[in-house]
Protein backbone atom coordinates (compact mmCIF):
# COMPACT_ATOMS: atom_id res chain seq x y z
CA UNK A 1 13.08 24.23 -23.68
CA UNK A 2 12.16 21.81 -26.81
CA UNK A 3 13.74 20.38 -29.67
CA UNK A 4 12.23 21.96 -33.24
CA UNK A 5 11.52 20.55 -36.48
CA UNK A 6 12.35 21.74 -40.32
CA UNK A 7 10.51 19.00 -42.07
CA UNK A 8 7.06 19.45 -43.12
CA UNK A 9 6.33 15.73 -42.58
CA UNK A 10 7.01 16.06 -38.92
CA UNK A 11 4.44 15.22 -36.34
CA UNK A 12 4.41 17.67 -33.52
CA UNK A 13 3.94 16.62 -29.79
CA UNK A 14 3.78 13.15 -30.31
CA UNK A 15 4.85 9.95 -29.36
CA UNK A 16 6.31 7.34 -30.92
CA UNK A 17 6.97 3.97 -28.94
CA UNK A 18 9.10 1.45 -30.19
CA UNK A 19 9.07 -2.28 -28.24
CA UNK A 20 9.45 -5.58 -28.47
CA UNK A 21 7.17 -8.30 -28.21
CA UNK A 22 7.16 -11.41 -29.66
CA UNK A 23 4.62 -13.31 -30.73
CA UNK A 24 3.07 -15.24 -28.27
CA UNK A 25 -0.21 -14.86 -25.12
CA UNK A 26 2.52 -15.10 -22.52
CA UNK A 27 4.35 -11.83 -20.70
CA UNK A 28 1.00 -10.16 -19.81
CA UNK A 29 2.80 -7.17 -17.50
CA UNK A 30 5.40 -6.13 -20.89
CA UNK A 31 2.08 -5.62 -22.85
CA UNK A 32 0.05 -3.69 -19.76
CA UNK A 33 3.04 -1.61 -19.82
CA UNK A 34 3.17 -0.64 -23.28
CA UNK A 35 -0.79 -0.40 -23.57
CA UNK A 36 -0.67 2.32 -20.61
CA UNK A 37 0.93 5.11 -22.43
CA UNK A 38 -1.51 5.03 -25.77
CA UNK A 39 -4.53 4.08 -23.14
CA UNK A 40 -3.92 7.23 -20.27
CA UNK A 41 -1.67 9.88 -21.88
CA UNK A 42 -2.80 13.17 -23.17
CA UNK A 43 -0.31 12.82 -25.90
CA UNK A 44 -1.08 10.58 -29.33
CA UNK A 45 0.72 7.56 -29.28
CA UNK A 46 2.04 5.52 -32.17
CA UNK A 47 3.48 1.81 -31.12
CA UNK A 48 5.49 -0.14 -32.93
CA UNK A 49 6.79 -3.58 -32.18
CA UNK A 50 10.37 -4.17 -33.72
CA UNK A 51 9.16 -7.93 -33.67
CA UNK A 52 7.66 -7.08 -37.05
CA UNK A 53 10.28 -4.80 -38.54
CA UNK A 54 10.91 -1.49 -39.61
CA UNK A 55 8.03 0.29 -41.14
CA UNK A 56 9.17 2.32 -44.81
CA UNK A 57 7.02 5.17 -44.01
CA UNK A 58 8.96 6.13 -40.54
CA UNK A 59 11.73 7.29 -43.18
CA UNK A 60 9.89 10.44 -44.14
CA UNK A 61 7.86 10.82 -40.27
CA UNK A 62 10.02 12.55 -37.05
CA UNK A 63 8.03 12.61 -33.63
CA UNK A 64 8.97 15.37 -30.89
CA UNK A 65 9.12 12.44 -28.84
CA UNK A 66 10.40 9.12 -29.26
CA UNK A 67 9.49 6.24 -25.97
CA UNK A 68 12.35 2.99 -25.67
CA UNK A 69 10.60 0.74 -23.79
CA UNK A 70 12.51 -1.59 -21.71
CA UNK A 71 11.33 -4.60 -23.48
CA UNK A 72 14.07 -3.70 -26.31
CA UNK A 73 16.83 -4.08 -24.10
CA UNK A 74 16.24 -7.47 -22.04
CA UNK A 75 19.27 -9.17 -23.75
CA UNK A 76 21.94 -7.46 -25.98
CA UNK A 77 22.28 -6.73 -28.43
CA UNK A 78 18.90 -4.79 -28.48
CA UNK A 79 15.81 -5.65 -30.24
CA UNK A 80 16.51 -2.70 -32.40
CA UNK A 81 17.32 -3.69 -35.72
CA UNK A 82 20.07 -1.73 -38.22
CA UNK A 83 17.28 0.33 -39.98
CA UNK A 84 15.42 0.71 -36.66
CA UNK A 85 19.05 2.66 -35.18
CA UNK A 86 19.62 4.50 -38.78
CA UNK A 87 16.49 6.03 -37.90
CA UNK A 88 17.37 6.80 -34.36
CA UNK A 89 20.49 8.36 -36.04
CA UNK A 90 18.38 10.21 -37.99
CA UNK A 91 16.07 11.95 -35.25
CA UNK A 92 18.48 14.62 -33.85
CA UNK A 93 15.88 17.07 -32.70
CA UNK A 94 13.60 14.38 -30.84
CA UNK A 95 13.78 13.95 -26.90
CA UNK A 96 14.13 10.18 -26.46
CA UNK A 97 13.37 8.54 -23.81
CA UNK A 98 14.74 5.20 -22.75
CA UNK A 99 12.58 3.16 -20.02
CA UNK A 100 15.25 0.29 -18.36
CA UNK A 101 15.06 -2.66 -16.52
CA UNK A 102 17.59 -5.43 -15.98
CA UNK A 103 20.51 -2.65 -15.68
CA UNK A 104 22.77 -4.26 -13.54
CA UNK A 105 24.38 -6.23 -17.07
CA UNK A 106 25.64 -5.13 -20.26
CA UNK A 107 26.23 -1.72 -19.11
CA UNK A 108 29.03 -0.78 -21.17
CA UNK A 109 27.01 -1.59 -24.08
CA UNK A 110 23.86 0.27 -22.75
CA UNK A 111 26.00 3.22 -21.91
CA UNK A 112 27.63 3.54 -25.40
CA UNK A 113 23.92 3.10 -26.68
CA UNK A 114 22.67 6.12 -24.51
CA UNK A 115 25.83 8.41 -25.69
CA UNK A 116 25.51 6.81 -29.33
CA UNK A 117 21.62 7.58 -29.79
CA UNK A 118 21.82 10.79 -27.89
CA UNK A 119 19.08 9.63 -25.06
CA UNK A 120 17.90 12.76 -23.08
CA UNK A 121 15.64 11.06 -20.47
CA UNK A 122 16.24 7.72 -18.19
CA UNK A 123 13.77 5.98 -16.26
CA UNK A 124 15.81 3.74 -13.97
CA UNK A 125 14.98 1.21 -11.28
CA UNK A 126 18.43 2.67 -9.75
CA UNK A 127 18.50 4.40 -6.33
CA UNK A 128 19.12 7.96 -7.09
CA UNK A 129 22.39 7.58 -4.47
CA UNK A 130 23.88 5.46 -7.30
CA UNK A 131 22.88 7.76 -9.99
CA UNK A 132 26.89 9.42 -10.02
CA UNK A 133 28.59 6.05 -10.19
CA UNK A 134 26.79 4.92 -13.25
CA UNK A 135 24.89 7.29 -15.45
CA UNK A 136 26.50 10.23 -14.68
CA UNK A 137 29.66 9.02 -14.89
CA UNK A 138 29.42 7.21 -17.87
CA UNK A 139 26.44 8.96 -20.29
CA UNK A 140 25.52 12.13 -21.44
CA UNK A 141 22.38 11.78 -20.23
CA UNK A 142 20.74 15.07 -19.40
CA UNK A 143 17.93 13.65 -16.86
CA UNK A 144 17.14 10.54 -14.20
CA UNK A 145 14.43 9.64 -13.21
CA UNK A 146 13.53 6.91 -10.21
CA UNK A 147 11.10 4.40 -10.24
CA UNK A 148 11.26 1.54 -7.73
CA UNK A 149 8.37 -0.63 -9.17
CA UNK A 150 8.75 -2.29 -12.38
CA UNK A 151 5.29 -2.93 -13.29
CA UNK A 152 2.10 -1.10 -12.29
CA UNK A 153 -1.58 -2.29 -11.14
CA UNK A 154 -4.13 -2.45 -14.45
CA UNK A 155 -7.76 -2.00 -14.50
CA UNK A 156 -7.94 -5.42 -16.13
CA UNK A 157 -6.24 -7.03 -13.25
CA UNK A 158 -8.65 -5.61 -10.58
CA UNK A 159 -11.36 -6.44 -13.09
CA UNK A 160 -10.22 -10.04 -13.08
CA UNK A 161 -9.93 -10.33 -9.44
CA UNK A 162 -13.27 -9.23 -8.74
CA UNK A 163 -14.31 -12.17 -10.59
CA UNK A 164 -12.20 -15.13 -9.60
CA UNK A 165 -11.01 -14.34 -6.43
CA UNK A 166 -12.45 -17.04 -3.85
CA UNK A 167 -13.37 -17.03 -0.39
CA UNK A 168 -10.09 -17.95 2.27
CA UNK A 169 -12.02 -21.63 3.08
CA UNK A 170 -12.05 -22.26 -0.76
CA UNK A 171 -8.50 -22.01 -2.11
CA UNK A 172 -7.07 -25.35 -3.04
CA UNK A 173 -3.71 -24.57 -2.08
CA UNK A 174 -2.65 -23.26 1.72
CA UNK A 175 0.97 -21.61 0.27
CA UNK A 176 2.04 -21.29 -3.59
CA UNK A 177 4.85 -20.27 -5.54
CA UNK A 178 7.38 -20.06 -8.42
CA UNK A 179 10.18 -18.30 -9.32
CA UNK A 180 13.38 -19.46 -11.35
CA UNK A 181 17.27 -20.11 -10.00
CA UNK A 182 19.01 -17.04 -11.08
CA UNK A 183 22.57 -16.99 -12.58
CA UNK A 184 25.24 -16.34 -9.80
CA UNK A 185 26.91 -13.52 -10.79
CA UNK A 186 23.65 -11.35 -9.93
CA UNK A 187 24.71 -11.75 -6.04
CA UNK A 188 23.17 -13.13 -3.19
CA UNK A 189 20.10 -11.43 -3.51
CA UNK A 190 19.16 -12.50 -6.54
CA UNK A 191 19.58 -16.64 -4.71
CA UNK A 192 16.66 -15.40 -1.84
CA UNK A 193 14.35 -16.27 -5.02
CA UNK A 194 15.30 -19.79 -4.79
CA UNK A 195 16.03 -20.53 -1.45
CA UNK A 196 12.60 -19.11 0.37
CA UNK A 197 11.22 -21.56 -1.73
CA UNK A 198 13.61 -24.71 -1.26
CA UNK A 199 14.06 -23.63 2.70
CA UNK A 200 10.31 -23.28 3.33
CA UNK A 201 9.46 -26.97 1.47
CA UNK A 202 12.41 -27.99 4.07
CA UNK A 203 10.92 -26.55 6.80
CA UNK A 204 7.09 -27.55 6.28
CA UNK A 205 7.56 -31.03 5.77
CA UNK A 206 5.63 -31.28 9.22
CA UNK A 207 3.93 -28.71 9.39
CA UNK A 208 0.55 -30.30 7.25
CA UNK A 209 0.25 -28.04 5.04
CA UNK A 210 -1.24 -28.41 1.59
CA UNK A 211 2.14 -26.52 -0.77
CA UNK A 212 2.52 -25.79 -4.60
CA UNK A 213 5.66 -24.44 -4.27
CA UNK A 214 8.38 -24.64 -7.69
CA UNK A 215 11.57 -23.49 -9.16
CA UNK A 216 11.73 -25.23 -12.24
CA UNK A 217 11.80 -23.59 -14.98
CA UNK A 218 9.27 -26.23 -16.80
CA UNK A 219 6.61 -25.07 -13.69
CA UNK A 220 6.70 -21.41 -14.74
CA UNK A 221 2.51 -20.58 -15.07
CA UNK A 222 1.89 -17.28 -17.55
CA UNK A 223 -1.15 -15.25 -18.42
CA UNK A 224 -4.73 -16.30 -17.23
CA UNK A 225 -3.44 -19.03 -15.40
CA UNK A 226 -0.72 -17.27 -13.11
CA UNK A 227 -3.75 -15.18 -11.86
CA UNK A 228 -5.81 -18.32 -11.34
CA UNK A 229 -3.31 -20.11 -9.26
CA UNK A 230 -2.65 -16.67 -7.09
CA UNK A 231 -6.79 -16.92 -6.58
CA UNK A 232 -6.39 -20.39 -5.38
CA UNK A 233 -3.75 -19.71 -2.87
CA UNK A 234 -4.30 -18.79 0.66
CA UNK A 235 -0.82 -17.05 0.96
CA UNK A 236 2.14 -16.81 -1.48
CA UNK A 237 5.90 -16.53 -0.59
CA UNK A 238 8.02 -13.88 -1.61
CA UNK A 239 11.54 -12.03 -1.84
CA UNK A 240 12.93 -8.76 -3.08
CA UNK A 241 13.25 -8.52 -7.10
CA UNK A 242 16.59 -7.76 -8.15
CA UNK A 243 20.04 -7.77 -7.41
CA UNK A 244 23.31 -7.13 -5.26
CA UNK A 245 25.87 -6.91 -7.51
CA UNK A 246 25.61 -4.29 -10.15
CA UNK A 247 27.70 -5.32 -13.41
CA UNK A 248 29.80 -2.32 -14.72
CA UNK A 249 32.36 -3.42 -16.87
CA UNK A 250 30.86 -7.17 -17.84
CA UNK A 251 33.87 -8.78 -15.35
CA UNK A 252 31.92 -10.75 -12.81
CA UNK A 253 29.69 -12.19 -15.57
CA UNK A 254 32.57 -13.24 -17.06
CA UNK A 255 34.56 -14.55 -14.24
CA UNK A 256 31.29 -16.31 -13.20
CA UNK A 257 30.86 -17.85 -16.61
CA UNK A 258 34.77 -19.27 -16.41
CA UNK A 259 34.26 -20.68 -12.99
CA UNK A 260 31.34 -22.67 -14.17
CA UNK A 261 32.87 -23.88 -17.63
CA UNK A 262 36.10 -24.98 -15.48
CA UNK A 263 33.87 -26.66 -12.65
CA UNK A 264 29.83 -27.01 -13.89
CA UNK A 265 28.60 -28.58 -10.50
CA UNK A 266 30.34 -25.49 -8.79
CA UNK A 267 27.81 -24.23 -5.44
CA UNK A 268 26.78 -20.38 -5.51
CA UNK A 269 28.70 -20.42 -2.11
CA UNK A 270 31.78 -21.74 -3.66
CA UNK A 271 31.67 -19.01 -6.20
CA UNK A 272 30.84 -16.37 -3.76
CA UNK A 273 33.95 -17.57 -1.34
CA UNK A 274 36.06 -17.64 -4.18
CA UNK A 275 35.27 -14.97 -6.62
CA UNK A 276 31.75 -12.85 -6.13
CA UNK A 277 32.53 -11.52 -2.16
CA UNK A 278 34.21 -8.73 -3.52
CA UNK A 279 31.28 -7.00 -5.54
CA UNK A 280 28.65 -8.40 -3.13
CA UNK A 281 26.76 -5.10 -2.84
CA UNK A 282 28.33 -2.63 -4.78
CA UNK A 283 25.57 -1.13 -6.15
CA UNK A 284 22.65 -2.80 -4.44
CA UNK A 285 19.23 -2.68 -7.00
CA UNK A 286 16.63 -3.62 -5.04
CA UNK A 287 12.87 -3.13 -6.74
CA UNK A 288 9.38 -4.08 -6.07
CA UNK A 289 7.89 -6.49 -8.09
CA UNK A 290 4.43 -6.99 -10.03
CA UNK A 291 3.79 -10.07 -8.03
CA UNK A 292 3.51 -7.87 -4.95
CA UNK A 293 0.03 -6.20 -6.46
CA UNK A 294 -1.07 -9.43 -7.76
CA UNK A 295 -1.32 -11.32 -4.54
CA UNK A 296 -2.81 -7.80 -2.99
CA UNK A 297 -5.21 -7.54 -5.73
CA UNK A 298 -6.71 -11.10 -5.47
CA UNK A 299 -6.59 -10.76 -1.52
CA UNK A 300 -3.82 -13.49 -0.92
CA UNK A 301 -1.53 -13.17 2.20
CA UNK A 302 2.30 -13.02 1.39
CA UNK A 303 4.68 -14.29 3.28
CA UNK A 304 7.79 -12.63 2.09
CA UNK A 305 11.51 -12.22 3.49
CA UNK A 306 12.48 -9.77 5.53
CA UNK A 307 13.12 -6.63 3.35
CA UNK A 308 12.89 -2.95 2.34
CA UNK A 309 9.99 -3.48 -0.81
CA UNK A 310 10.70 0.19 -2.17
CA UNK A 311 8.79 1.00 1.41
CA UNK A 312 5.60 0.54 0.08
CA UNK A 313 4.80 -2.54 2.26
CA UNK A 314 5.72 -2.56 5.91
CA UNK A 315 5.84 -6.36 7.75
CA UNK A 316 2.93 -7.23 9.72
CA UNK A 317 0.79 -4.51 8.19
CA UNK A 318 1.29 -5.62 4.50
CA UNK A 319 2.90 -9.29 4.54
CA UNK A 320 3.89 -11.78 7.29
CA UNK A 321 7.94 -11.19 7.30
CA UNK A 322 9.81 -14.46 7.42
CA UNK A 323 13.58 -14.17 8.53
CA UNK A 324 16.32 -15.11 6.14
CA UNK A 325 17.62 -18.25 7.93
CA UNK A 326 13.73 -19.76 9.00
CA UNK A 327 14.56 -18.99 12.60
CA UNK A 328 11.02 -17.73 13.00
CA UNK A 329 9.23 -20.47 10.96
CA UNK A 330 6.70 -21.65 13.95
CA UNK A 331 5.66 -18.38 14.38
CA UNK A 332 5.06 -17.50 11.01
CA UNK A 333 3.24 -20.83 10.30
CA UNK A 334 1.34 -19.78 13.51
CA UNK A 335 0.38 -16.41 12.21
CA UNK A 336 -0.60 -17.73 8.64
CA UNK A 337 -3.12 -20.03 10.87
CA UNK A 338 -4.69 -16.97 12.39
CA UNK A 339 -7.10 -16.38 9.65
CA UNK A 340 -8.24 -13.24 11.37
CA UNK A 341 -4.48 -11.32 11.20
CA UNK A 342 -4.14 -12.78 7.91
CA UNK A 343 -7.46 -11.20 6.47
CA UNK A 344 -6.40 -7.60 8.49
CA UNK A 345 -3.03 -7.94 6.07
CA UNK A 346 -4.61 -8.92 2.85
CA UNK A 347 -6.96 -6.11 3.76
CA UNK A 348 -4.65 -3.63 4.43
CA UNK A 349 -2.32 -4.57 1.25
CA UNK A 350 -6.05 -4.07 -0.95
CA UNK A 351 -6.48 -1.09 0.17
CA UNK A 352 -2.98 0.70 0.35
CA UNK A 353 -1.55 -0.92 -3.21
CA UNK A 354 -4.67 -1.39 -4.98
CA UNK A 355 -7.76 0.97 -4.14
CA UNK A 356 -5.67 3.75 -3.39
CA UNK A 357 -4.71 3.95 -6.47
CA UNK A 358 -1.35 5.36 -5.91
CA UNK A 359 0.56 2.21 -8.00
CA UNK A 360 -2.09 2.47 -11.41
CA UNK A 361 -0.72 2.62 -14.50
CA UNK A 362 -3.22 5.98 -14.98
CA UNK A 363 -0.93 7.67 -11.93
CA UNK A 364 2.11 6.57 -13.46
CA UNK A 365 1.21 7.79 -17.22
CA UNK A 366 0.17 11.25 -15.31
CA UNK A 367 3.37 11.46 -13.77
CA UNK A 368 5.03 10.85 -17.34
CA UNK A 369 3.13 13.37 -19.04
CA UNK A 370 4.01 15.90 -16.50
CA UNK A 371 7.64 15.11 -17.08
CA UNK A 372 7.17 15.86 -20.41
CA UNK A 373 5.18 18.99 -19.35
CA UNK A 374 8.25 20.22 -17.26
CA UNK A 375 10.63 20.26 -20.82
CA UNK A 376 8.22 22.59 -21.88
CA UNK A 377 6.37 20.11 -24.35
CA UNK A 378 2.42 20.24 -25.19
CA UNK A 379 0.43 17.72 -26.44
CA UNK A 380 -0.80 19.68 -29.76
CA UNK A 381 -1.29 17.22 -32.48
CA UNK A 382 -0.81 17.33 -36.17
CA UNK A 383 -2.31 15.20 -38.84
CA UNK A 384 0.20 15.51 -41.28
CA UNK A 385 1.21 12.11 -42.15
CA UNK A 386 -1.25 10.25 -39.15
CA UNK A 387 -3.80 8.60 -41.52
CA UNK A 388 -0.78 6.70 -43.57
CA UNK A 389 0.76 5.35 -40.25
CA UNK A 390 -2.03 4.43 -38.31
CA UNK A 391 -3.30 2.58 -41.14
CA UNK A 392 0.31 0.69 -40.94
CA UNK A 393 -0.26 0.29 -36.98
CA UNK A 394 -3.41 -1.01 -37.44
CA UNK A 395 -3.05 -3.63 -40.38
CA UNK A 396 0.31 -5.30 -38.43
CA UNK A 397 -2.19 -4.84 -35.31
CA UNK A 398 -4.21 -7.65 -37.06
CA UNK A 399 -1.25 -9.19 -38.51
CA UNK A 400 0.36 -9.86 -35.54
CA UNK A 401 -2.69 -11.07 -34.14
CA UNK A 402 -3.47 -13.65 -36.53
CA UNK A 403 0.08 -14.92 -36.68
CA UNK A 404 -0.22 -15.58 -32.49
CA UNK A 405 -3.20 -17.22 -33.13
CA UNK A 406 -1.63 -19.53 -35.92
CA UNK A 407 1.03 -20.09 -33.96
CA UNK A 408 -1.08 -21.12 -30.97
CA UNK A 409 -3.03 -23.32 -33.62
CA UNK A 410 -0.13 -24.62 -34.74
CA UNK A 411 1.42 -25.36 -31.17
CA UNK A 412 -1.79 -27.00 -30.34
CA UNK A 413 -1.48 -29.65 -33.79
CA UNK A 414 2.09 -30.60 -32.95
CA UNK A 415 0.72 -31.63 -29.16
CA UNK A 416 -2.16 -33.58 -31.26
CA UNK A 417 -0.19 -35.05 -33.70
CA UNK A 418 2.30 -35.97 -30.93
CA UNK A 419 -0.23 -37.76 -28.74
CA UNK A 420 -1.70 -39.35 -32.13
CA UNK A 421 1.58 -40.72 -33.23
CA UNK A 422 2.24 -42.07 -29.52
CA UNK A 423 -0.95 -44.05 -29.62
CA UNK A 424 -0.62 -45.41 -33.21
CA UNK A 425 2.83 -46.54 -32.19
CA UNK A 426 1.77 -48.35 -29.48
CA UNK A 427 -1.47 -49.95 -30.90
CA UNK A 428 1.03 -50.77 -33.79
CA UNK A 429 3.45 -52.65 -31.21
CA UNK A 430 0.41 -54.37 -29.50
CA UNK A 431 -0.24 -55.97 -32.67
CA UNK A 432 2.69 -57.06 -33.37
CA UNK A 433 2.82 -58.55 -29.69
CA UNK A 434 -0.38 -60.63 -30.28
CA UNK A 435 1.05 -61.84 -33.37
CA UNK A 436 3.83 -62.97 -31.92
CA UNK A 437 2.44 -64.66 -28.70
CA UNK A 438 -0.43 -65.97 -31.11
CA UNK A 439 2.07 -68.46 -33.07
CA UNK A 440 4.14 -68.88 -29.89
CA UNK A 441 0.45 -70.51 -28.21
CA UNK A 442 -0.92 -71.60 -31.05
CA UNK A 443 -4.77 -70.52 -32.25
CA UNK A 444 -6.30 -73.09 -29.57
CA UNK A 445 -4.06 -71.59 -26.96
CA UNK A 446 -4.73 -68.49 -27.48
CA UNK A 447 -8.49 -68.55 -27.08
CA UNK A 448 -8.10 -70.07 -24.01
CA UNK A 449 -5.63 -67.16 -22.88
CA UNK A 450 -8.19 -64.37 -24.52
CA UNK A 451 -11.19 -65.88 -22.72
CA UNK A 452 -9.47 -66.39 -19.24
CA UNK A 453 -8.32 -62.49 -19.68
CA UNK A 454 -11.51 -61.44 -20.64
CA UNK A 455 -12.86 -63.11 -17.38
CA UNK A 456 -10.34 -61.29 -15.52
CA UNK A 457 -11.16 -57.68 -16.69
């Protein structure tokens, strides 16, 4: 049974989607996820970026559905200011849906938020077998929906892949990869992201391969540059995303932090043997990364650590399985150099992950709408108050775009002025040096030296 409204300014059966996105051009997967609601839902969707602050017109509006996007909860406190939180308090009749990712930390804060603002439905990466130990034990949420995928396949990515995908023989790199070293408190599973990079580089020293593998934060690639990078690799490395330690009460995080503060150069193995082993595997939270869809779309072969991959990919059908101790490394290289076998694997991945449409944003939103239908909520739009809100949202979208452009131009200008300053300083010191040498040698000797240098150059 749906929650009802009494205020005349209420918007019936429409969605208010709150999300957070900083004013920059990177992180395309966040905005693809946000935009999918408006693009594919049968419900009218009003998207509000909390980065731009609270909209005064919301005070007189109530929505039957409020969606809280995962981008609000990446860190804690969440990206909702006091005015947004007060507004959520006033929306007691709204059906509230929260999408969560990175659920393994700030758990108590998240549980408190769910209970305080009466969240009705949670979309979680957590497997159903662990619902009872997490959300059902600590929150009052009535409905839990398991989604093992952190991002889906967009039409935009498919279209780009069709345009820039290169033939296998014309790709610059044999094997490419980008990852960051993750914090120790996430457990052994999270360390695999960097371990596969370091281990593969070590074993591939004499393999004669063209590698572009990095784990340094400064070497990360974003936006279209990332897609171009994938399109220029014959294969990419990978490991299951997520963690193998679920820090329910913050004990693991605080314990790791203390150990690192006392001994800054302590290794993961040392921390694990002394402390982390007690929680390893307590609530595994392994998920399927959009990177696998990206590689499949660009027909780039995937060499992955052995794993489940949410049951979406099978070894030697969709990817080449690498043992975590690298004991089958030579076999992996042989398979990679077998062009026919690699083509079979990339074709399978493309057909099952991309062409099938099973993991598209359109399918994801169709399932989302059907969950609302099951709650008795139907998309019967009312126009009350829409005009005012839509005008403000359009204006904010223009402001956001202008600020983003201005920020990019500003960064370009800073980079340009920094280079100019360096050049001017170099020219200044060059002129000073010339004056000193000229004074020491005298006018006649200086002319002889100058003539000699000109002859050499």
